[in-house]
Amino acid sequence: MLYKASIILALAAAINATVLDHISKRNAGLEVTLTEIGNAEVKAVIKNVGDKALKLFTYGTIFDDAPVEKINVFSGEEALPFEGVLRTVEYTNLAEEVFYTLEAGATYETEISAAATFNLETGKYSVSAEGAFAYAEIGSNELSKDAVTYKSNTLELQVDGEAAKKVRKSLPALMERTVLQSSCTGTRRTSTLNAYTACVTRARLAATAARTGSATLFNTFFKTTATATRNAVSARFSAIATECGSSTSGRTTYYCTDPYGYCSSNTVAYAIPSLNLVNNCPIFFNYATSTSGCSYGIDGAGTTIHEFTHTPAVYSPGTQDYAYGYAASTRLTSAQSLANADNFALYAKAVQNGCS
């Protein structure tokens, strides 16, 4: 199968700003300042200007070592597509290492290369950082229902496109292109194939329900009952069912041996949309293939659906991770819900398990 890179629309700036209106927030006094330090490179300084220490959840944030979406990059009014990694993570039994404690008055500094996760040509770009940190109370690893918000200054950068492309080429590349990789053997291969099978069943049920099922349930997850929207959601689920239907042909590359090294603590799986690549992490294989009930916990079928919504080769545009879990995901607006992976995974599980 020939490699074909695809990308998904990066909507983080608009989404983050609106999401903050729909989730519980804590004004903790985080100050984020960006400064230019090189071609397409910025330094981020985060200062806790509040009077209490903050134990911040690092995944998917400026503190994350992985190439996640740490900054927003705009060319004029257009947000550039993000080409990094998107994770599925556990939100219980969190390891201490997934947190960073920022004492009152303390600062944290890091350098960010925009060229590592955005395709930059020669020209002018606007760069900023905005969003919300999940956090735990000091002495606990249980995430609060609140969020710590932040918004940086905006930088105007003049980028040398040729130099930026050299940075991008320095990232690891995977040239092998099949569907389920031969390195997936034994029980891991069996678990992955079982998740594929369960994904087909769940996605097909969701496709039918999205089109003709309960309008009330659909509205819970997507905040609309418009026919066009229901048909679009149904089409995505149908595409996912097709992708899950075979391990020897398809549009994605599927690993279970972590070729990029992003399976850190509490990471269940991850996707790299620009490569249409999905990888199951060791934690994935600890979960059941499919679970009953309406607690909306993690299982193999749901994780597979979640990750396949990210890959634009399955259905374009791919989704992002703007919220995780039932509580946060069902607070999103309709537009945000349609761009959030967990809304699809959770809706499909609700349909299959008869939740209301």
Protein backbone atom coordinates (compact mmCIF):
# COMPACT_ATOMS: atom_id res chain seq x y z
CA MET A 1 0.00 0.00 0.00
CA LEU A 2 1.39 3.39 -0.93
CA TYR A 3 1.99 5.91 1.83
CA LYS A 4 -0.19 8.97 1.60
CA ALA A 5 0.08 11.66 4.26
CA SER A 6 -3.14 13.32 5.36
CA ILE A 7 -3.78 16.07 7.87
CA ILE A 8 -6.64 17.24 10.01
CA LEU A 9 -7.82 20.74 10.73
CA ALA A 10 -6.37 22.31 13.85
CA LEU A 11 -9.20 24.10 15.65
CA ALA A 12 -7.63 24.36 19.09
CA ALA A 13 -7.62 28.13 19.46
CA ALA A 14 -11.33 28.55 18.80
CA ILE A 15 -12.31 25.36 20.59
CA ASN A 16 -10.29 25.99 23.75
CA ALA A 17 -11.70 29.49 24.13
CA THR A 18 -15.27 28.24 23.85
CA VAL A 19 -14.80 25.09 25.90
CA LEU A 20 -13.80 27.24 28.84
CA ASP A 21 -17.35 28.61 28.87
CA HIS A 22 -18.73 25.11 29.36
CA ILE A 23 -16.48 23.55 32.00
CA SER A 24 -15.82 24.37 35.60
CA LYS A 25 -12.81 26.66 35.88
CA ARG A 26 -10.44 27.84 38.56
CA ASN A 27 -8.74 31.21 38.20
CA ALA A 28 -5.40 30.12 39.56
CA GLY A 29 -3.27 32.91 38.16
CA LEU A 30 -1.16 31.11 35.56
CA GLU A 31 0.80 33.51 33.38
CA VAL A 32 2.22 32.21 30.08
CA THR A 33 4.70 34.28 28.09
CA LEU A 34 6.08 33.37 24.66
CA THR A 35 9.30 34.82 23.19
CA GLU A 36 11.01 34.12 19.88
CA ILE A 37 14.39 32.38 20.17
CA GLY A 38 15.05 31.18 16.62
CA ASN A 39 13.54 30.23 13.29
CA ALA A 40 10.05 28.89 14.13
CA GLU A 41 11.21 28.37 17.72
CA VAL A 42 9.74 29.95 20.83
CA LYS A 43 10.41 29.83 24.55
CA ALA A 44 7.41 29.43 26.83
CA VAL A 45 7.64 30.66 30.41
CA ILE A 46 4.82 29.59 32.72
CA LYS A 47 4.54 31.37 36.06
CA ASN A 48 2.25 30.54 38.94
CA VAL A 49 1.16 34.00 40.06
CA GLY A 50 -1.35 32.57 42.53
CA ASP A 51 -0.81 31.95 46.22
CA LYS A 52 -1.00 28.14 46.13
CA ALA A 53 1.05 25.39 44.50
CA LEU A 54 -0.55 23.75 41.44
CA LYS A 55 -0.20 20.05 40.63
CA LEU A 56 -0.76 20.14 36.87
CA PHE A 57 -1.61 17.17 34.62
CA THR A 58 1.03 17.35 31.90
CA TYR A 59 -0.32 15.22 29.04
CA GLY A 60 -1.36 17.23 26.00
CA THR A 61 0.09 20.45 27.44
CA ILE A 62 3.19 22.65 27.27
CA PHE A 63 4.74 20.38 29.93
CA ASP A 64 4.43 17.27 27.73
CA ASP A 65 7.67 15.89 26.23
CA ALA A 66 5.77 14.36 23.29
CA PRO A 67 4.99 16.42 20.15
CA VAL A 68 1.47 17.34 21.25
CA GLU A 69 -0.34 20.55 20.36
CA LYS A 70 1.36 23.03 22.70
CA ILE A 71 0.85 26.16 20.60
CA ASN A 72 -1.58 27.47 18.00
CA VAL A 73 -0.11 28.61 14.68
CA PHE A 74 -2.01 30.86 12.28
CA SER A 75 -1.29 32.09 8.77
CA GLY A 76 -3.47 35.18 8.60
CA GLU A 77 -6.87 34.06 9.91
CA GLU A 78 -6.32 30.40 9.04
CA ALA A 79 -5.22 27.90 11.69
CA LEU A 80 -2.53 25.54 10.41
CA PRO A 81 -3.23 21.80 10.64
CA PHE A 82 -1.52 20.09 13.56
CA GLU A 83 0.67 17.12 12.59
CA GLY A 84 1.76 15.71 15.95
CA VAL A 85 0.43 12.99 18.26
CA LEU A 86 -2.99 12.55 19.92
CA ARG A 87 -3.35 10.24 22.91
CA THR A 88 -5.98 8.17 24.63
CA VAL A 89 -5.16 8.32 28.33
CA GLU A 90 -6.39 6.86 31.58
CA TYR A 91 -7.84 9.33 34.05
CA THR A 92 -7.73 7.05 37.07
CA ASN A 93 -4.80 5.47 38.91
CA LEU A 94 -2.57 8.20 37.54
CA ALA A 95 1.18 7.93 38.06
CA GLU A 96 3.00 10.67 39.92
CA GLU A 97 5.17 11.27 36.85
CA VAL A 98 2.25 12.57 34.76
CA PHE A 99 2.03 15.63 37.02
CA TYR A 100 4.22 18.69 37.45
CA THR A 101 3.96 20.73 40.64
CA LEU A 102 4.46 24.45 40.11
CA GLU A 103 4.94 26.21 43.42
CA ALA A 104 3.39 29.61 44.09
CA GLY A 105 5.60 32.24 42.47
CA ALA A 106 7.67 29.63 40.59
CA THR A 107 8.26 29.49 36.84
CA TYR A 108 8.72 26.70 34.30
CA GLU A 109 10.54 27.26 31.01
CA THR A 110 10.56 25.15 27.85
CA GLU A 111 11.46 25.55 24.18
CA ILE A 112 8.93 24.70 21.47
CA SER A 113 9.66 24.11 17.79
CA ALA A 114 6.64 25.01 15.68
CA ALA A 115 8.30 23.29 12.72
CA ALA A 116 8.16 19.93 14.51
CA THR A 117 4.36 19.70 14.39
CA PHE A 118 3.28 22.19 11.72
CA ASN A 119 4.09 22.36 8.01
CA LEU A 120 5.66 25.81 7.65
CA GLU A 121 6.49 27.58 4.42
CA THR A 122 8.42 30.84 4.18
CA GLY A 123 6.22 33.64 5.47
CA LYS A 124 4.64 35.31 8.49
CA TYR A 125 2.80 33.40 11.20
CA SER A 126 1.04 34.22 14.46
CA VAL A 127 1.80 31.95 17.42
CA SER A 128 0.00 31.76 20.76
CA ALA A 129 -0.90 29.32 23.53
CA GLU A 130 -4.31 29.06 25.16
CA GLY A 131 -6.23 26.40 27.00
CA ALA A 132 -6.85 24.74 30.35
CA PHE A 133 -4.82 22.42 32.57
CA ALA A 134 -6.38 19.54 34.44
CA TYR A 135 -4.93 19.34 37.93
CA ALA A 136 -4.98 17.41 41.19
CA GLU A 137 -4.85 18.70 44.72
CA ILE A 138 -1.45 18.55 46.39
CA GLY A 139 -1.03 15.11 47.96
CA SER A 140 -3.52 13.48 45.57
CA ASN A 141 -3.36 12.02 42.05
CA GLU A 142 -7.11 12.27 41.49
CA LEU A 143 -8.04 14.90 38.93
CA SER A 144 -10.21 17.77 40.08
CA LYS A 145 -13.42 18.62 38.24
CA ASP A 146 -12.05 22.13 37.83
CA ALA A 147 -9.57 23.41 35.24
CA VAL A 148 -6.73 25.92 35.41
CA THR A 149 -6.99 28.28 32.45
CA TYR A 150 -4.25 30.19 30.67
CA LYS A 151 -3.74 32.48 27.69
CA SER A 152 -0.39 33.72 26.38
CA ASN A 153 0.66 36.72 24.38
CA THR A 154 0.69 36.44 20.56
CA LEU A 155 3.98 36.36 18.66
CA GLU A 156 4.43 37.39 15.04
CA LEU A 157 7.10 35.18 13.44
CA GLN A 158 8.88 35.46 10.10
CA VAL A 159 9.75 31.88 9.17
CA ASP A 160 12.41 30.54 6.82
CA GLY A 161 10.54 27.64 5.24
CA GLU A 162 13.60 25.74 4.01
CA ALA A 163 15.17 25.78 7.47
CA ALA A 164 11.87 24.75 9.02
CA LYS A 165 11.58 21.74 6.73
CA LYS A 166 15.01 20.53 7.87
CA VAL A 167 13.68 20.44 11.43
CA ARG A 168 10.70 18.37 10.32
CA LYS A 169 12.94 15.88 8.52
CA SER A 170 14.89 15.30 11.71
CA LEU A 171 11.83 13.61 13.26
CA PRO A 172 11.69 9.79 13.10
CA ALA A 173 9.99 8.35 10.03
CA LEU A 174 8.35 4.97 9.46
CA MET A 175 8.52 3.82 5.87
CA GLU A 176 7.00 0.36 6.30
CA ARG A 177 3.38 0.46 5.23
CA THR A 178 0.96 -2.35 5.96
CA VAL A 179 -2.16 -2.46 8.10
CA LEU A 180 -1.76 -4.61 11.22
CA GLN A 181 2.01 -4.82 11.59
CA SER A 182 3.70 -8.24 11.70
CA SER A 183 5.29 -7.27 15.02
CA CYS A 184 1.83 -7.63 16.62
CA THR A 185 2.06 -11.26 17.70
CA GLY A 186 0.67 -13.62 20.30
CA THR A 187 -1.87 -12.33 22.79
CA ARG A 188 -1.39 -8.72 21.65
CA ARG A 189 -2.36 -9.63 18.11
CA THR A 190 -5.34 -11.59 19.39
CA SER A 191 -6.48 -8.70 21.59
CA THR A 192 -6.12 -6.22 18.74
CA LEU A 193 -8.05 -8.42 16.32
CA ASN A 194 -10.76 -8.97 18.93
CA ALA A 195 -11.00 -5.20 19.37
CA TYR A 196 -11.34 -4.86 15.58
CA THR A 197 -14.25 -7.32 15.59
CA ALA A 198 -15.96 -5.59 18.51
CA CYS A 199 -15.37 -2.25 16.81
CA VAL A 200 -17.22 -3.43 13.69
CA THR A 201 -20.28 -4.42 15.71
CA ARG A 202 -20.34 -1.27 17.82
CA ALA A 203 -19.66 1.12 14.95
CA ARG A 204 -22.37 -0.44 12.77
CA LEU A 205 -24.91 -0.12 15.56
CA ALA A 206 -23.87 3.49 16.08
CA ALA A 207 -24.12 4.24 12.36
CA THR A 208 -27.71 3.00 12.28
CA ALA A 209 -28.66 4.75 15.52
CA ALA A 210 -27.12 8.03 14.42
CA ARG A 211 -29.25 8.00 11.29
CA THR A 212 -32.57 6.64 12.59
CA GLY A 213 -32.27 5.99 16.34
CA SER A 214 -33.13 7.99 19.45
CA ALA A 215 -32.92 11.73 18.85
CA THR A 216 -32.62 12.29 22.59
CA LEU A 217 -29.51 10.12 22.91
CA PHE A 218 -27.96 11.67 19.82
CA ASN A 219 -28.59 15.14 21.20
CA THR A 220 -26.90 14.21 24.48
CA PHE A 221 -23.59 13.65 22.71
CA PHE A 222 -23.80 15.98 19.70
CA LYS A 223 -26.15 18.77 20.89
CA THR A 224 -28.27 18.73 17.74
CA THR A 225 -30.77 16.51 15.97
CA ALA A 226 -30.34 18.04 12.52
CA THR A 227 -30.70 15.44 9.77
CA ALA A 228 -27.53 16.52 7.98
CA THR A 229 -25.50 16.18 11.17
CA ARG A 230 -26.98 12.78 11.97
CA ASN A 231 -26.12 11.58 8.48
CA ALA A 232 -22.54 12.88 8.80
CA VAL A 233 -22.04 11.12 12.14
CA SER A 234 -23.52 7.95 10.67
CA ALA A 235 -21.13 8.16 7.72
CA ARG A 236 -18.11 8.42 10.03
CA PHE A 237 -19.21 5.36 11.98
CA SER A 238 -19.78 3.42 8.75
CA ALA A 239 -16.25 4.32 7.62
CA ILE A 240 -14.85 3.18 10.97
CA ALA A 241 -16.73 -0.13 10.74
CA THR A 242 -15.22 -0.69 7.30
CA GLU A 243 -11.71 0.10 8.57
CA CYS A 244 -12.11 -2.27 11.51
CA GLY A 245 -13.40 -4.97 9.18
CA SER A 246 -10.01 -6.10 7.92
CA SER A 247 -6.45 -6.37 9.21
CA THR A 248 -4.99 -6.91 5.74
CA SER A 249 -6.35 -3.95 3.82
CA GLY A 250 -7.30 -0.48 4.85
CA ARG A 251 -6.19 3.10 5.16
CA THR A 252 -4.28 3.08 8.45
CA THR A 253 -1.10 1.61 9.87
CA TYR A 254 -1.73 -0.18 13.17
CA TYR A 255 1.01 -1.05 15.66
CA CYS A 256 1.17 -2.64 19.08
CA THR A 257 4.90 -2.18 19.76
CA ASP A 258 5.16 1.63 20.16
CA PRO A 259 7.42 2.56 17.22
CA TYR A 260 7.51 6.23 18.20
CA GLY A 261 7.98 5.78 21.94
CA TYR A 262 4.91 7.67 23.18
CA CYS A 263 3.50 4.91 25.40
CA SER A 264 4.32 6.64 28.66
CA SER A 265 2.46 6.09 31.94
CA ASN A 266 -1.35 5.98 31.70
CA THR A 267 -1.31 6.19 27.87
CA VAL A 268 -3.69 3.58 26.43
CA ALA A 269 -3.13 4.31 22.73
CA TYR A 270 -2.15 7.15 20.42
CA ALA A 271 -2.70 8.32 16.87
CA ILE A 272 -0.52 10.36 14.54
CA PRO A 273 -3.09 11.73 12.10
CA SER A 274 -0.59 13.03 9.53
CA LEU A 275 0.66 9.42 9.11
CA ASN A 276 -2.74 7.77 9.60
CA LEU A 277 -0.99 5.70 12.25
CA VAL A 278 -2.48 4.15 15.39
CA ASN A 279 -0.58 2.37 18.15
CA ASN A 280 -1.93 0.36 21.07
CA CYS A 281 0.16 0.77 24.22
CA PRO A 282 0.75 -2.02 26.79
CA ILE A 283 -2.06 -0.68 28.99
CA PHE A 284 -4.53 -1.30 26.14
CA PHE A 285 -4.10 -5.04 26.56
CA ASN A 286 -5.15 -4.89 30.22
CA TYR A 287 -8.67 -3.83 29.27
CA ALA A 288 -11.58 -6.02 28.19
CA THR A 289 -12.50 -6.03 24.52
CA SER A 290 -16.01 -4.80 25.25
CA THR A 291 -17.78 -3.87 28.47
CA SER A 292 -21.44 -3.55 29.41
CA GLY A 293 -23.17 -0.90 31.47
CA CYS A 294 -23.21 2.87 31.28
CA SER A 295 -20.15 3.83 33.34
CA TYR A 296 -18.34 4.74 30.09
CA GLY A 297 -15.07 3.15 31.12
CA ILE A 298 -12.28 2.24 28.71
CA ASP A 299 -12.45 -0.93 26.59
CA GLY A 300 -10.77 -2.18 23.42
CA ALA A 301 -13.66 -1.44 21.07
CA GLY A 302 -14.09 2.10 22.37
CA THR A 303 -10.38 2.87 22.19
CA THR A 304 -10.23 1.59 18.61
CA ILE A 305 -13.19 3.76 17.60
CA HIS A 306 -11.66 6.75 19.40
CA GLU A 307 -8.35 6.40 17.55
CA PHE A 308 -9.92 5.79 14.14
CA THR A 309 -11.90 9.02 14.44
CA HIS A 310 -8.51 10.79 14.58
CA THR A 311 -7.23 9.39 11.28
CA PRO A 312 -8.36 11.45 8.28
CA ALA A 313 -7.80 8.60 5.84
CA VAL A 314 -10.69 6.78 7.51
CA TYR A 315 -12.98 9.81 7.50
CA SER A 316 -11.99 13.42 6.92
CA PRO A 317 -11.55 15.67 8.73
CA GLY A 318 -10.23 13.68 11.66
CA THR A 319 -11.14 14.60 15.21
CA GLN A 320 -9.09 16.13 18.03
CA ASP A 321 -9.02 15.61 21.80
CA TYR A 322 -10.76 18.66 23.22
CA ALA A 323 -12.34 16.78 26.13
CA TYR A 324 -12.14 13.31 27.68
CA GLY A 325 -14.82 11.31 29.45
CA TYR A 326 -18.60 11.62 29.65
CA ALA A 327 -18.87 14.68 31.90
CA ALA A 328 -16.53 16.95 29.94
CA SER A 329 -17.47 15.67 26.49
CA THR A 330 -21.19 16.20 26.96
CA ARG A 331 -20.58 19.84 27.97
CA LEU A 332 -19.20 20.72 24.54
CA THR A 333 -21.17 22.63 21.92
CA SER A 334 -22.44 20.85 18.84
CA ALA A 335 -19.53 22.00 16.67
CA GLN A 336 -17.02 20.95 19.32
CA SER A 337 -18.72 17.59 19.89
CA LEU A 338 -18.46 16.76 16.20
CA ALA A 339 -14.70 17.44 16.39
CA ASN A 340 -14.04 15.49 19.60
CA ALA A 341 -13.05 11.82 19.47
CA ASP A 342 -14.56 10.80 22.79
CA ASN A 343 -18.04 11.98 21.81
CA PHE A 344 -18.06 9.35 19.06
CA ALA A 345 -16.58 6.61 21.23
CA LEU A 346 -18.95 7.33 24.12
CA TYR A 347 -22.04 7.61 21.90
CA ALA A 348 -21.27 4.28 20.24
CA LYS A 349 -20.95 2.60 23.63
CA ALA A 350 -24.19 4.19 24.83
CA VAL A 351 -26.01 2.86 21.76
CA GLN A 352 -24.68 -0.67 22.15
CA ASN A 353 -25.34 -0.84 25.89
CA GLY A 354 -28.80 0.74 25.77
CA CYS A 355 -27.87 3.81 27.80
CA SER A 356 -30.10 6.87 27.92
